[in-house]
Amino acid sequence: MQTQSNQLTPVTVAMTGASGVQYGMRLMECLFAQNVPVFLMVSKAAQMVITTETEESWPANPDALKAYLVEKYDIGDNLLQVFGREDWLAPVASGSSGPGQMVICPCSTGTLSAIACGASNNLIERAADVVLKERKKLILLVREMPLSEIHLENMLKLSRMGAVVMPAAPGFYHQPESIDDMVDFVVARVLDQLSIPQTMVPRWGYGQD
């Protein structure tokens, strides 16, 4: 996953207004730990969920958010770019320079629906549309329960287009002892899909008594 400049290829991460923002936060932490650059987009609804589910409050302004996250994760500012809702000049908006891999984490069913019908009403939806049309990897960490027929139809439609649909459903065979362990289970599977090495969760059939 290298560019001609020998820099790791960025992974686009979008956070939308579903419960489970911890998955997106942990995913970015893992990417930064391996010096993988991140193109980040955060919806307005996700901002509200972050305030509700965590003790953090992320700035709405992209530049202010970048400064906040660079300090939070203690990283160089070259590892993170943050784009606004209508930043149509961002590289993720075009197939000529669009993302090779994109994760929407968490993915609301509203975002799921918009992507399934090609709405492209904001940069998150457009970036996902670009990934699909360019036949690159789109991972959707859907968080909803129960699932309606509409949700299931949209997931099936996107799966047939090549998207990877990963409901936020942690397993328990690794005997989690904390919420962090359950978050790590899901994030580890996302990293597997991105072909990024991870040691957070033992692989089934290896190292077991």
N, C-alpha and C. Protein backbone atom coordinates (compact mmCIF):
# COMPACT_ATOMS: atom_id res chain seq x y z
N MET A 1 0.84 -1.20 0.00
CA MET A 1 0.00 0.00 0.00
C MET A 1 0.87 1.25 0.00
N GLN A 2 1.73 1.38 -1.03
CA GLN A 2 2.67 2.48 -1.12
C GLN A 2 2.37 3.36 -2.34
N THR A 3 2.67 4.63 -2.24
CA THR A 3 2.60 5.53 -3.36
C THR A 3 3.99 5.67 -3.96
N GLN A 4 4.09 6.40 -5.09
CA GLN A 4 5.38 6.58 -5.72
C GLN A 4 6.35 7.33 -4.83
N SER A 5 5.84 8.15 -3.93
CA SER A 5 6.70 8.89 -3.02
C SER A 5 7.09 8.05 -1.81
N ASN A 6 6.73 6.77 -1.84
CA ASN A 6 7.06 5.83 -0.77
C ASN A 6 6.31 6.14 0.52
N GLN A 7 5.23 6.87 0.41
CA GLN A 7 4.37 7.15 1.56
C GLN A 7 3.18 6.22 1.52
N LEU A 8 2.74 5.78 2.67
CA LEU A 8 1.58 4.90 2.73
C LEU A 8 0.36 5.60 2.13
N THR A 9 -0.44 4.84 1.41
CA THR A 9 -1.64 5.39 0.78
C THR A 9 -2.68 5.74 1.83
N PRO A 10 -3.29 6.90 1.76
CA PRO A 10 -4.29 7.28 2.77
C PRO A 10 -5.51 6.35 2.75
N VAL A 11 -6.10 6.18 3.90
CA VAL A 11 -7.39 5.52 4.04
C VAL A 11 -8.41 6.60 4.38
N THR A 12 -9.49 6.65 3.62
CA THR A 12 -10.55 7.61 3.91
C THR A 12 -11.47 7.04 4.99
N VAL A 13 -11.66 7.82 6.05
CA VAL A 13 -12.53 7.42 7.16
C VAL A 13 -13.64 8.44 7.28
N ALA A 14 -14.88 7.97 7.27
CA ALA A 14 -16.03 8.85 7.48
C ALA A 14 -16.80 8.37 8.69
N MET A 15 -17.24 9.31 9.50
CA MET A 15 -18.06 8.98 10.67
C MET A 15 -19.42 9.65 10.49
N THR A 16 -20.47 8.85 10.57
CA THR A 16 -21.83 9.38 10.39
C THR A 16 -22.64 9.16 11.66
N GLY A 17 -23.90 9.54 11.61
CA GLY A 17 -24.69 9.67 12.81
C GLY A 17 -25.33 8.42 13.36
N ALA A 18 -24.57 7.33 13.44
CA ALA A 18 -25.04 6.13 14.11
C ALA A 18 -24.30 5.97 15.43
N SER A 19 -24.88 5.21 16.32
CA SER A 19 -24.18 4.90 17.57
C SER A 19 -22.93 4.09 17.25
N GLY A 20 -21.89 4.29 18.06
CA GLY A 20 -20.67 3.52 17.86
C GLY A 20 -19.51 4.34 17.34
N VAL A 21 -19.45 5.62 17.70
CA VAL A 21 -18.34 6.46 17.24
C VAL A 21 -17.00 5.94 17.77
N GLN A 22 -17.06 5.13 18.85
CA GLN A 22 -15.82 4.56 19.40
C GLN A 22 -15.09 3.71 18.37
N TYR A 23 -15.84 3.07 17.48
CA TYR A 23 -15.20 2.27 16.43
C TYR A 23 -14.35 3.15 15.51
N GLY A 24 -14.91 4.28 15.11
CA GLY A 24 -14.17 5.18 14.24
C GLY A 24 -12.95 5.78 14.92
N MET A 25 -13.10 6.14 16.18
CA MET A 25 -11.98 6.70 16.93
C MET A 25 -10.85 5.69 17.07
N ARG A 26 -11.21 4.47 17.40
CA ARG A 26 -10.20 3.43 17.59
C ARG A 26 -9.54 3.06 16.26
N LEU A 27 -10.32 3.05 15.18
CA LEU A 27 -9.76 2.76 13.88
C LEU A 27 -8.70 3.79 13.51
N MET A 28 -8.99 5.07 13.71
CA MET A 28 -8.01 6.09 13.40
C MET A 28 -6.75 5.93 14.25
N GLU A 29 -6.94 5.61 15.52
CA GLU A 29 -5.79 5.41 16.40
C GLU A 29 -4.89 4.30 15.87
N CYS A 30 -5.50 3.21 15.41
CA CYS A 30 -4.72 2.09 14.87
C CYS A 30 -4.03 2.45 13.57
N LEU A 31 -4.70 3.21 12.72
CA LEU A 31 -4.10 3.63 11.46
C LEU A 31 -2.91 4.54 11.72
N PHE A 32 -3.08 5.50 12.61
CA PHE A 32 -1.99 6.42 12.92
C PHE A 32 -0.80 5.69 13.53
N ALA A 33 -1.08 4.66 14.35
CA ALA A 33 0.00 3.91 14.98
C ALA A 33 0.90 3.23 13.96
N GLN A 34 0.35 2.97 12.77
CA GLN A 34 1.14 2.35 11.70
C GLN A 34 1.50 3.36 10.60
N ASN A 35 1.36 4.64 10.97
CA ASN A 35 1.73 5.73 10.05
C ASN A 35 0.93 5.71 8.74
N VAL A 36 -0.31 5.28 8.83
CA VAL A 36 -1.21 5.31 7.68
C VAL A 36 -1.94 6.65 7.68
N PRO A 37 -1.77 7.47 6.65
CA PRO A 37 -2.49 8.75 6.60
C PRO A 37 -4.00 8.53 6.51
N VAL A 38 -4.74 9.48 7.07
CA VAL A 38 -6.20 9.40 7.09
C VAL A 38 -6.80 10.65 6.46
N PHE A 39 -7.74 10.45 5.54
CA PHE A 39 -8.61 11.50 5.06
C PHE A 39 -9.91 11.37 5.86
N LEU A 40 -10.25 12.37 6.64
CA LEU A 40 -11.38 12.25 7.57
C LEU A 40 -12.52 13.18 7.21
N MET A 41 -13.75 12.63 7.32
CA MET A 41 -14.97 13.42 7.19
C MET A 41 -15.91 13.03 8.32
N VAL A 42 -16.49 14.02 8.96
CA VAL A 42 -17.38 13.79 10.09
C VAL A 42 -18.69 14.52 9.84
N SER A 43 -19.79 13.80 9.83
CA SER A 43 -21.08 14.44 9.57
C SER A 43 -21.55 15.23 10.79
N LYS A 44 -22.53 16.11 10.56
CA LYS A 44 -23.10 16.88 11.67
C LYS A 44 -23.72 15.95 12.72
N ALA A 45 -24.41 14.92 12.24
CA ALA A 45 -25.04 13.98 13.18
C ALA A 45 -23.99 13.24 13.99
N ALA A 46 -22.86 12.91 13.35
CA ALA A 46 -21.78 12.23 14.07
C ALA A 46 -21.22 13.12 15.17
N GLN A 47 -21.13 14.42 14.90
CA GLN A 47 -20.65 15.35 15.92
C GLN A 47 -21.54 15.27 17.16
N MET A 48 -22.84 15.21 16.94
CA MET A 48 -23.77 15.12 18.06
C MET A 48 -23.61 13.80 18.81
N VAL A 49 -23.44 12.70 18.06
CA VAL A 49 -23.28 11.39 18.69
C VAL A 49 -21.99 11.35 19.52
N ILE A 50 -20.92 11.95 19.00
CA ILE A 50 -19.66 11.99 19.74
C ILE A 50 -19.86 12.67 21.08
N THR A 51 -20.57 13.80 21.08
CA THR A 51 -20.85 14.52 22.33
C THR A 51 -21.70 13.68 23.27
N THR A 52 -22.63 12.89 22.71
CA THR A 52 -23.53 12.07 23.52
C THR A 52 -22.86 10.84 24.09
N GLU A 53 -22.03 10.17 23.28
CA GLU A 53 -21.48 8.87 23.68
C GLU A 53 -20.10 8.95 24.33
N THR A 54 -19.44 10.09 24.23
CA THR A 54 -18.11 10.22 24.81
C THR A 54 -18.04 11.51 25.63
N GLU A 55 -16.89 11.73 26.22
CA GLU A 55 -16.67 12.96 26.97
C GLU A 55 -16.01 14.03 26.10
N GLU A 56 -15.95 13.77 24.80
CA GLU A 56 -15.33 14.71 23.88
C GLU A 56 -16.37 15.53 23.14
N SER A 57 -15.91 16.68 22.64
CA SER A 57 -16.73 17.52 21.78
C SER A 57 -15.84 18.00 20.64
N TRP A 58 -16.07 17.45 19.45
CA TRP A 58 -15.19 17.75 18.32
C TRP A 58 -15.60 19.05 17.64
N PRO A 59 -14.65 19.92 17.31
CA PRO A 59 -14.97 21.16 16.60
C PRO A 59 -15.61 20.86 15.24
N ALA A 60 -16.51 21.73 14.81
CA ALA A 60 -17.17 21.55 13.52
C ALA A 60 -16.28 22.01 12.37
N ASN A 61 -15.45 23.03 12.61
CA ASN A 61 -14.58 23.55 11.57
C ASN A 61 -13.47 22.54 11.24
N PRO A 62 -13.27 22.21 9.96
CA PRO A 62 -12.28 21.18 9.60
C PRO A 62 -10.87 21.49 10.10
N ASP A 63 -10.43 22.75 9.99
CA ASP A 63 -9.08 23.10 10.44
C ASP A 63 -8.96 22.95 11.96
N ALA A 64 -9.99 23.39 12.67
CA ALA A 64 -9.97 23.27 14.13
C ALA A 64 -10.03 21.80 14.55
N LEU A 65 -10.80 21.01 13.82
CA LEU A 65 -10.89 19.58 14.13
C LEU A 65 -9.55 18.89 13.89
N LYS A 66 -8.89 19.26 12.81
CA LYS A 66 -7.57 18.67 12.55
C LYS A 66 -6.61 18.98 13.68
N ALA A 67 -6.57 20.23 14.10
CA ALA A 67 -5.68 20.62 15.20
C ALA A 67 -6.00 19.85 16.47
N TYR A 68 -7.29 19.68 16.74
CA TYR A 68 -7.73 18.95 17.93
C TYR A 68 -7.27 17.49 17.87
N LEU A 69 -7.44 16.85 16.72
CA LEU A 69 -7.12 15.42 16.60
C LEU A 69 -5.61 15.18 16.52
N VAL A 70 -4.87 16.10 15.92
CA VAL A 70 -3.41 15.98 15.90
C VAL A 70 -2.88 15.96 17.32
N GLU A 71 -3.45 16.80 18.17
CA GLU A 71 -3.04 16.82 19.58
C GLU A 71 -3.55 15.58 20.31
N LYS A 72 -4.80 15.20 20.06
CA LYS A 72 -5.39 14.04 20.74
C LYS A 72 -4.59 12.77 20.48
N TYR A 73 -4.24 12.54 19.22
CA TYR A 73 -3.55 11.31 18.86
C TYR A 73 -2.02 11.46 18.85
N ASP A 74 -1.54 12.68 19.13
CA ASP A 74 -0.11 12.95 19.20
C ASP A 74 0.59 12.51 17.91
N ILE A 75 0.14 13.08 16.80
CA ILE A 75 0.66 12.70 15.49
C ILE A 75 1.16 13.94 14.75
N GLY A 76 1.93 13.71 13.69
CA GLY A 76 2.30 14.81 12.81
C GLY A 76 1.12 15.20 11.95
N ASP A 77 1.02 16.49 11.61
CA ASP A 77 -0.16 16.92 10.86
C ASP A 77 -0.18 16.39 9.43
N ASN A 78 0.93 15.76 9.00
CA ASN A 78 0.95 15.16 7.66
C ASN A 78 0.15 13.86 7.60
N LEU A 79 -0.21 13.30 8.76
CA LEU A 79 -0.96 12.04 8.79
C LEU A 79 -2.47 12.25 8.71
N LEU A 80 -2.93 13.49 8.76
CA LEU A 80 -4.38 13.71 8.81
C LEU A 80 -4.78 14.90 7.95
N GLN A 81 -5.81 14.67 7.14
CA GLN A 81 -6.50 15.76 6.45
C GLN A 81 -7.98 15.64 6.78
N VAL A 82 -8.58 16.75 7.12
CA VAL A 82 -10.01 16.78 7.47
C VAL A 82 -10.74 17.62 6.42
N PHE A 83 -11.83 17.07 5.90
CA PHE A 83 -12.60 17.76 4.86
C PHE A 83 -14.01 18.06 5.35
N GLY A 84 -14.52 19.21 4.92
CA GLY A 84 -15.86 19.62 5.29
C GLY A 84 -16.93 18.98 4.43
N ARG A 85 -18.17 19.19 4.83
CA ARG A 85 -19.32 18.56 4.19
C ARG A 85 -19.42 18.88 2.70
N GLU A 86 -19.03 20.08 2.31
CA GLU A 86 -19.15 20.49 0.91
C GLU A 86 -17.80 20.91 0.33
N ASP A 87 -16.75 20.25 0.73
CA ASP A 87 -15.42 20.55 0.21
C ASP A 87 -15.22 19.77 -1.08
N TRP A 88 -15.84 20.26 -2.15
CA TRP A 88 -15.87 19.53 -3.41
C TRP A 88 -14.52 19.49 -4.13
N LEU A 89 -13.54 20.27 -3.65
CA LEU A 89 -12.20 20.23 -4.24
C LEU A 89 -11.30 19.22 -3.52
N ALA A 90 -11.82 18.53 -2.54
CA ALA A 90 -11.04 17.50 -1.84
C ALA A 90 -10.72 16.36 -2.79
N PRO A 91 -9.57 15.71 -2.62
CA PRO A 91 -9.20 14.60 -3.53
C PRO A 91 -10.21 13.47 -3.53
N VAL A 92 -10.93 13.27 -2.43
CA VAL A 92 -11.89 12.16 -2.36
C VAL A 92 -13.11 12.38 -3.23
N ALA A 93 -13.26 13.59 -3.79
CA ALA A 93 -14.45 13.91 -4.58
C ALA A 93 -14.33 13.50 -6.04
N SER A 94 -13.14 13.03 -6.44
CA SER A 94 -12.94 12.72 -7.86
C SER A 94 -12.25 11.37 -8.04
N GLY A 95 -12.65 10.67 -9.08
CA GLY A 95 -12.03 9.40 -9.38
C GLY A 95 -10.59 9.52 -9.82
N SER A 96 -10.16 10.71 -10.26
CA SER A 96 -8.78 10.88 -10.72
C SER A 96 -7.79 10.86 -9.56
N SER A 97 -8.26 11.13 -8.36
CA SER A 97 -7.37 11.10 -7.19
C SER A 97 -8.07 10.57 -5.96
N GLY A 98 -9.19 9.91 -6.17
CA GLY A 98 -10.03 9.45 -5.08
C GLY A 98 -9.41 8.36 -4.24
N PRO A 99 -10.04 8.02 -3.14
CA PRO A 99 -9.49 7.05 -2.21
C PRO A 99 -9.49 5.63 -2.76
N GLY A 100 -8.42 4.89 -2.46
CA GLY A 100 -8.39 3.48 -2.83
C GLY A 100 -9.18 2.64 -1.86
N GLN A 101 -9.26 3.12 -0.62
CA GLN A 101 -10.00 2.39 0.42
C GLN A 101 -10.73 3.40 1.30
N MET A 102 -12.00 3.12 1.56
CA MET A 102 -12.81 4.01 2.39
C MET A 102 -13.60 3.19 3.39
N VAL A 103 -13.63 3.68 4.62
CA VAL A 103 -14.40 3.04 5.69
C VAL A 103 -15.36 4.06 6.26
N ILE A 104 -16.64 3.74 6.29
CA ILE A 104 -17.63 4.57 6.96
C ILE A 104 -17.93 3.89 8.29
N CYS A 105 -17.51 4.54 9.38
CA CYS A 105 -17.39 3.85 10.65
C CYS A 105 -17.67 4.81 11.81
N PRO A 106 -18.91 4.82 12.35
CA PRO A 106 -20.03 3.97 11.98
C PRO A 106 -20.79 4.53 10.77
N CYS A 107 -21.60 3.66 10.18
CA CYS A 107 -22.41 4.04 9.02
C CYS A 107 -23.88 4.02 9.42
N SER A 108 -24.52 5.17 9.35
CA SER A 108 -25.95 5.23 9.65
C SER A 108 -26.75 4.64 8.50
N THR A 109 -27.98 4.24 8.79
CA THR A 109 -28.82 3.70 7.72
C THR A 109 -29.24 4.79 6.74
N GLY A 110 -29.24 6.05 7.18
CA GLY A 110 -29.50 7.15 6.26
C GLY A 110 -28.38 7.29 5.24
N THR A 111 -27.13 7.19 5.71
CA THR A 111 -25.98 7.23 4.80
C THR A 111 -26.00 6.02 3.89
N LEU A 112 -26.31 4.86 4.45
CA LEU A 112 -26.42 3.63 3.66
C LEU A 112 -27.39 3.82 2.50
N SER A 113 -28.55 4.39 2.79
CA SER A 113 -29.58 4.61 1.78
C SER A 113 -29.10 5.58 0.70
N ALA A 114 -28.46 6.68 1.13
CA ALA A 114 -28.00 7.68 0.18
C ALA A 114 -26.95 7.11 -0.77
N ILE A 115 -26.05 6.30 -0.23
CA ILE A 115 -25.02 5.70 -1.08
C ILE A 115 -25.64 4.70 -2.05
N ALA A 116 -26.60 3.93 -1.55
CA ALA A 116 -27.24 2.90 -2.39
C ALA A 116 -27.94 3.51 -3.59
N CYS A 117 -28.45 4.73 -3.44
CA CYS A 117 -29.16 5.35 -4.57
C CYS A 117 -28.31 6.40 -5.28
N GLY A 118 -27.03 6.56 -4.88
CA GLY A 118 -26.14 7.48 -5.57
C GLY A 118 -26.47 8.94 -5.36
N ALA A 119 -26.97 9.30 -4.18
CA ALA A 119 -27.42 10.68 -3.94
C ALA A 119 -26.30 11.70 -4.06
N SER A 120 -25.17 11.43 -3.44
CA SER A 120 -24.00 12.34 -3.47
C SER A 120 -24.36 13.77 -3.07
N ASN A 121 -25.15 13.91 -2.02
CA ASN A 121 -25.58 15.23 -1.55
C ASN A 121 -24.54 15.91 -0.68
N ASN A 122 -23.53 15.17 -0.21
CA ASN A 122 -22.45 15.75 0.58
C ASN A 122 -21.18 14.99 0.25
N LEU A 123 -20.06 15.42 0.83
CA LEU A 123 -18.77 14.85 0.44
C LEU A 123 -18.63 13.40 0.87
N ILE A 124 -19.22 13.00 1.98
CA ILE A 124 -19.16 11.60 2.40
C ILE A 124 -19.83 10.71 1.36
N GLU A 125 -21.03 11.11 0.95
CA GLU A 125 -21.77 10.32 -0.04
C GLU A 125 -21.03 10.32 -1.39
N ARG A 126 -20.48 11.46 -1.78
CA ARG A 126 -19.75 11.53 -3.05
C ARG A 126 -18.49 10.66 -3.00
N ALA A 127 -17.76 10.72 -1.91
CA ALA A 127 -16.54 9.92 -1.79
C ALA A 127 -16.86 8.43 -1.90
N ALA A 128 -17.95 8.01 -1.26
CA ALA A 128 -18.37 6.61 -1.35
C ALA A 128 -18.76 6.25 -2.77
N ASP A 129 -19.44 7.17 -3.45
CA ASP A 129 -19.84 6.96 -4.84
C ASP A 129 -18.62 6.80 -5.73
N VAL A 130 -17.58 7.61 -5.47
CA VAL A 130 -16.34 7.52 -6.23
C VAL A 130 -15.69 6.15 -6.04
N VAL A 131 -15.63 5.69 -4.79
CA VAL A 131 -15.01 4.39 -4.51
C VAL A 131 -15.74 3.28 -5.26
N LEU A 132 -17.06 3.33 -5.25
CA LEU A 132 -17.84 2.30 -5.93
C LEU A 132 -17.62 2.35 -7.44
N LYS A 133 -17.67 3.53 -8.04
CA LYS A 133 -17.55 3.61 -9.49
C LYS A 133 -16.15 3.26 -9.97
N GLU A 134 -15.15 3.48 -9.12
CA GLU A 134 -13.78 3.15 -9.47
C GLU A 134 -13.42 1.71 -9.11
N ARG A 135 -14.40 0.97 -8.59
CA ARG A 135 -14.21 -0.43 -8.22
C ARG A 135 -13.12 -0.60 -7.17
N LYS A 136 -13.09 0.33 -6.19
CA LYS A 136 -12.17 0.24 -5.08
C LYS A 136 -12.92 -0.31 -3.86
N LYS A 137 -12.24 -0.38 -2.72
CA LYS A 137 -12.85 -1.02 -1.55
C LYS A 137 -13.61 -0.01 -0.70
N LEU A 138 -14.91 -0.27 -0.50
CA LEU A 138 -15.76 0.52 0.38
C LEU A 138 -16.26 -0.38 1.51
N ILE A 139 -15.96 -0.01 2.75
CA ILE A 139 -16.36 -0.79 3.91
C ILE A 139 -17.39 0.02 4.70
N LEU A 140 -18.52 -0.59 4.96
CA LEU A 140 -19.62 0.08 5.66
C LEU A 140 -19.87 -0.61 6.99
N LEU A 141 -19.52 0.06 8.08
CA LEU A 141 -19.73 -0.50 9.42
C LEU A 141 -21.11 -0.05 9.90
N VAL A 142 -22.12 -0.77 9.45
CA VAL A 142 -23.52 -0.39 9.72
C VAL A 142 -23.87 -0.68 11.18
N ARG A 143 -24.53 0.29 11.82
CA ARG A 143 -24.94 0.12 13.21
C ARG A 143 -26.42 0.47 13.33
N GLU A 144 -27.24 -0.56 13.42
CA GLU A 144 -28.69 -0.38 13.60
C GLU A 144 -29.27 -1.69 14.11
N MET A 145 -30.37 -1.60 14.85
CA MET A 145 -31.03 -2.80 15.36
C MET A 145 -32.44 -2.44 15.80
N PRO A 146 -33.45 -3.21 15.36
CA PRO A 146 -33.40 -4.25 14.34
C PRO A 146 -33.28 -3.63 12.95
N LEU A 147 -33.07 -4.47 11.96
CA LEU A 147 -32.93 -4.01 10.59
C LEU A 147 -34.26 -4.17 9.85
N SER A 148 -34.68 -3.11 9.19
CA SER A 148 -35.91 -3.18 8.41
C SER A 148 -35.61 -3.78 7.03
N GLU A 149 -36.66 -4.07 6.29
CA GLU A 149 -36.49 -4.60 4.94
C GLU A 149 -35.75 -3.59 4.05
N ILE A 150 -36.00 -2.30 4.29
CA ILE A 150 -35.31 -1.26 3.53
C ILE A 150 -33.81 -1.33 3.78
N HIS A 151 -33.42 -1.45 5.06
CA HIS A 151 -32.00 -1.54 5.40
C HIS A 151 -31.35 -2.76 4.74
N LEU A 152 -32.04 -3.89 4.83
CA LEU A 152 -31.49 -5.12 4.28
C LEU A 152 -31.37 -5.05 2.75
N GLU A 153 -32.36 -4.44 2.12
CA GLU A 153 -32.31 -4.29 0.66
C GLU A 153 -31.14 -3.39 0.25
N ASN A 154 -30.93 -2.30 0.99
CA ASN A 154 -29.83 -1.40 0.67
C ASN A 154 -28.48 -2.08 0.89
N MET A 155 -28.36 -2.88 1.94
CA MET A 155 -27.10 -3.59 2.18
C MET A 155 -26.84 -4.61 1.08
N LEU A 156 -27.88 -5.33 0.67
CA LEU A 156 -27.73 -6.31 -0.40
C LEU A 156 -27.34 -5.61 -1.71
N LYS A 157 -27.99 -4.50 -1.98
CA LYS A 157 -27.70 -3.75 -3.22
C LYS A 157 -26.24 -3.31 -3.25
N LEU A 158 -25.73 -2.77 -2.13
CA LEU A 158 -24.36 -2.30 -2.07
C LEU A 158 -23.37 -3.46 -2.07
N SER A 159 -23.74 -4.56 -1.44
CA SER A 159 -22.87 -5.74 -1.47
C SER A 159 -22.70 -6.24 -2.90
N ARG A 160 -23.76 -6.22 -3.65
CA ARG A 160 -23.69 -6.65 -5.05
C ARG A 160 -22.85 -5.70 -5.90
N MET A 161 -22.72 -4.45 -5.45
CA MET A 161 -21.87 -3.48 -6.15
C MET A 161 -20.40 -3.64 -5.78
N GLY A 162 -20.13 -4.44 -4.76
CA GLY A 162 -18.76 -4.66 -4.35
C GLY A 162 -18.39 -4.11 -2.99
N ALA A 163 -19.33 -3.40 -2.36
CA ALA A 163 -19.05 -2.88 -1.02
C ALA A 163 -18.98 -4.03 -0.02
N VAL A 164 -18.21 -3.81 1.05
CA VAL A 164 -18.12 -4.79 2.14
C VAL A 164 -19.00 -4.27 3.28
N VAL A 165 -20.06 -4.99 3.59
CA VAL A 165 -20.98 -4.58 4.65
C VAL A 165 -20.60 -5.32 5.93
N MET A 166 -20.22 -4.56 6.95
CA MET A 166 -19.77 -5.14 8.21
C MET A 166 -20.59 -4.57 9.35
N PRO A 167 -21.70 -5.22 9.71
CA PRO A 167 -22.45 -4.74 10.87
C PRO A 167 -21.56 -4.74 12.11
N ALA A 168 -21.74 -3.76 12.95
CA ALA A 168 -20.93 -3.66 14.17
C ALA A 168 -21.40 -4.72 15.17
N ALA A 169 -20.93 -5.94 14.96
CA ALA A 169 -21.38 -7.09 15.75
C ALA A 169 -20.17 -7.82 16.31
N PRO A 170 -19.67 -7.40 17.48
CA PRO A 170 -18.48 -8.04 18.05
C PRO A 170 -18.74 -9.49 18.44
N GLY A 171 -17.70 -10.31 18.28
CA GLY A 171 -17.78 -11.69 18.73
C GLY A 171 -17.35 -11.81 20.18
N PHE A 172 -17.48 -13.00 20.73
CA PHE A 172 -17.15 -13.19 22.14
C PHE A 172 -16.21 -14.36 22.37
N TYR A 173 -15.75 -15.01 21.29
CA TYR A 173 -14.89 -16.18 21.48
C TYR A 173 -13.51 -15.79 22.00
N HIS A 174 -13.16 -14.49 21.92
CA HIS A 174 -11.88 -14.06 22.49
C HIS A 174 -12.03 -13.64 23.95
N GLN A 175 -13.22 -13.87 24.52
CA GLN A 175 -13.51 -13.62 25.93
C GLN A 175 -13.19 -12.18 26.34
N PRO A 176 -13.91 -11.23 25.77
CA PRO A 176 -13.65 -9.82 26.09
C PRO A 176 -13.89 -9.52 27.56
N GLU A 177 -13.05 -8.67 28.11
CA GLU A 177 -13.17 -8.29 29.52
C GLU A 177 -13.60 -6.83 29.69
N SER A 178 -13.73 -6.11 28.59
CA SER A 178 -14.09 -4.70 28.67
C SER A 178 -14.76 -4.27 27.37
N ILE A 179 -15.37 -3.09 27.41
CA ILE A 179 -15.94 -2.53 26.20
C ILE A 179 -14.85 -2.30 25.16
N ASP A 180 -13.68 -1.89 25.61
CA ASP A 180 -12.56 -1.68 24.69
C ASP A 180 -12.22 -2.95 23.93
N ASP A 181 -12.29 -4.09 24.62
CA ASP A 181 -12.01 -5.37 23.95
C ASP A 181 -13.03 -5.65 22.85
N MET A 182 -14.29 -5.29 23.10
CA MET A 182 -15.34 -5.52 22.11
C MET A 182 -15.17 -4.57 20.92
N VAL A 183 -14.78 -3.34 21.19
CA VAL A 183 -14.50 -2.39 20.11
C VAL A 183 -13.33 -2.90 19.28
N ASP A 184 -12.29 -3.39 19.95
CA ASP A 184 -11.10 -3.87 19.25
C ASP A 184 -11.42 -5.05 18.34
N PHE A 185 -12.36 -5.90 18.74
CA PHE A 185 -12.73 -7.04 17.90
C PHE A 185 -13.23 -6.57 16.54
N VAL A 186 -14.10 -5.58 16.55
CA VAL A 186 -14.67 -5.07 15.31
C VAL A 186 -13.62 -4.33 14.49
N VAL A 187 -12.84 -3.48 15.15
CA VAL A 187 -11.82 -2.70 14.45
C VAL A 187 -10.76 -3.63 13.85
N ALA A 188 -10.43 -4.69 14.55
CA ALA A 188 -9.46 -5.65 14.02
C ALA A 188 -9.95 -6.27 12.72
N ARG A 189 -11.24 -6.56 12.63
CA ARG A 189 -11.78 -7.12 11.39
C ARG A 189 -11.75 -6.10 10.26
N VAL A 190 -11.96 -4.82 10.61
CA VAL A 190 -11.86 -3.77 9.60
C VAL A 190 -10.43 -3.68 9.08
N LEU A 191 -9.46 -3.72 9.99
CA LEU A 191 -8.05 -3.68 9.58
C LEU A 191 -7.71 -4.87 8.69
N ASP A 192 -8.28 -6.03 9.00
CA ASP A 192 -8.06 -7.20 8.14
C ASP A 192 -8.54 -6.92 6.73
N GLN A 193 -9.71 -6.29 6.61
CA GLN A 193 -10.26 -5.97 5.29
C GLN A 193 -9.39 -4.96 4.55
N LEU A 194 -8.70 -4.11 5.29
CA LEU A 194 -7.83 -3.11 4.70
C LEU A 194 -6.43 -3.66 4.42
N SER A 195 -6.22 -4.94 4.77
CA SER A 195 -4.89 -5.58 4.62
C SER A 195 -3.82 -4.85 5.42
N ILE A 196 -4.22 -4.38 6.60
CA ILE A 196 -3.29 -3.72 7.52
C ILE A 196 -3.07 -4.66 8.71
N PRO A 197 -1.82 -4.99 9.03
CA PRO A 197 -1.54 -5.95 10.11
C PRO A 197 -2.14 -5.50 11.45
N GLN A 198 -2.63 -6.47 12.20
CA GLN A 198 -3.15 -6.17 13.53
C GLN A 198 -2.92 -7.38 14.43
N THR A 199 -2.71 -7.09 15.72
CA THR A 199 -2.51 -8.15 16.72
C THR A 199 -3.47 -7.98 17.89
N MET A 200 -4.53 -7.20 17.68
CA MET A 200 -5.45 -6.91 18.78
C MET A 200 -6.28 -8.12 19.18
N VAL A 201 -6.65 -8.93 18.19
CA VAL A 201 -7.51 -10.08 18.45
C VAL A 201 -6.86 -11.33 17.86
N PRO A 202 -6.68 -12.39 18.66
CA PRO A 202 -6.08 -13.62 18.13
C PRO A 202 -6.93 -14.19 17.01
N ARG A 203 -6.27 -14.75 16.01
CA ARG A 203 -6.99 -15.36 14.90
C ARG A 203 -7.50 -16.74 15.28
N TRP A 204 -8.68 -17.06 14.80
CA TRP A 204 -9.31 -18.34 15.12
C TRP A 204 -8.41 -19.49 14.68
N GLY A 205 -8.18 -20.43 15.61
CA GLY A 205 -7.40 -21.61 15.29
C GLY A 205 -5.91 -21.46 15.52
N TYR A 206 -5.48 -20.26 15.94
CA TYR A 206 -4.07 -20.02 16.21
C TYR A 206 -3.87 -19.64 17.67
N GLY A 207 -2.92 -20.30 18.32
CA GLY A 207 -2.58 -19.96 19.69
C GLY A 207 -3.63 -20.33 20.71
N GLN A 208 -4.51 -21.26 20.34
CA GLN A 208 -5.55 -21.70 21.27
C GLN A 208 -5.15 -23.02 21.91
N ASP A 209 -5.51 -23.19 23.17
CA ASP A 209 -5.20 -24.45 23.88
C ASP A 209 -6.11 -25.57 23.37
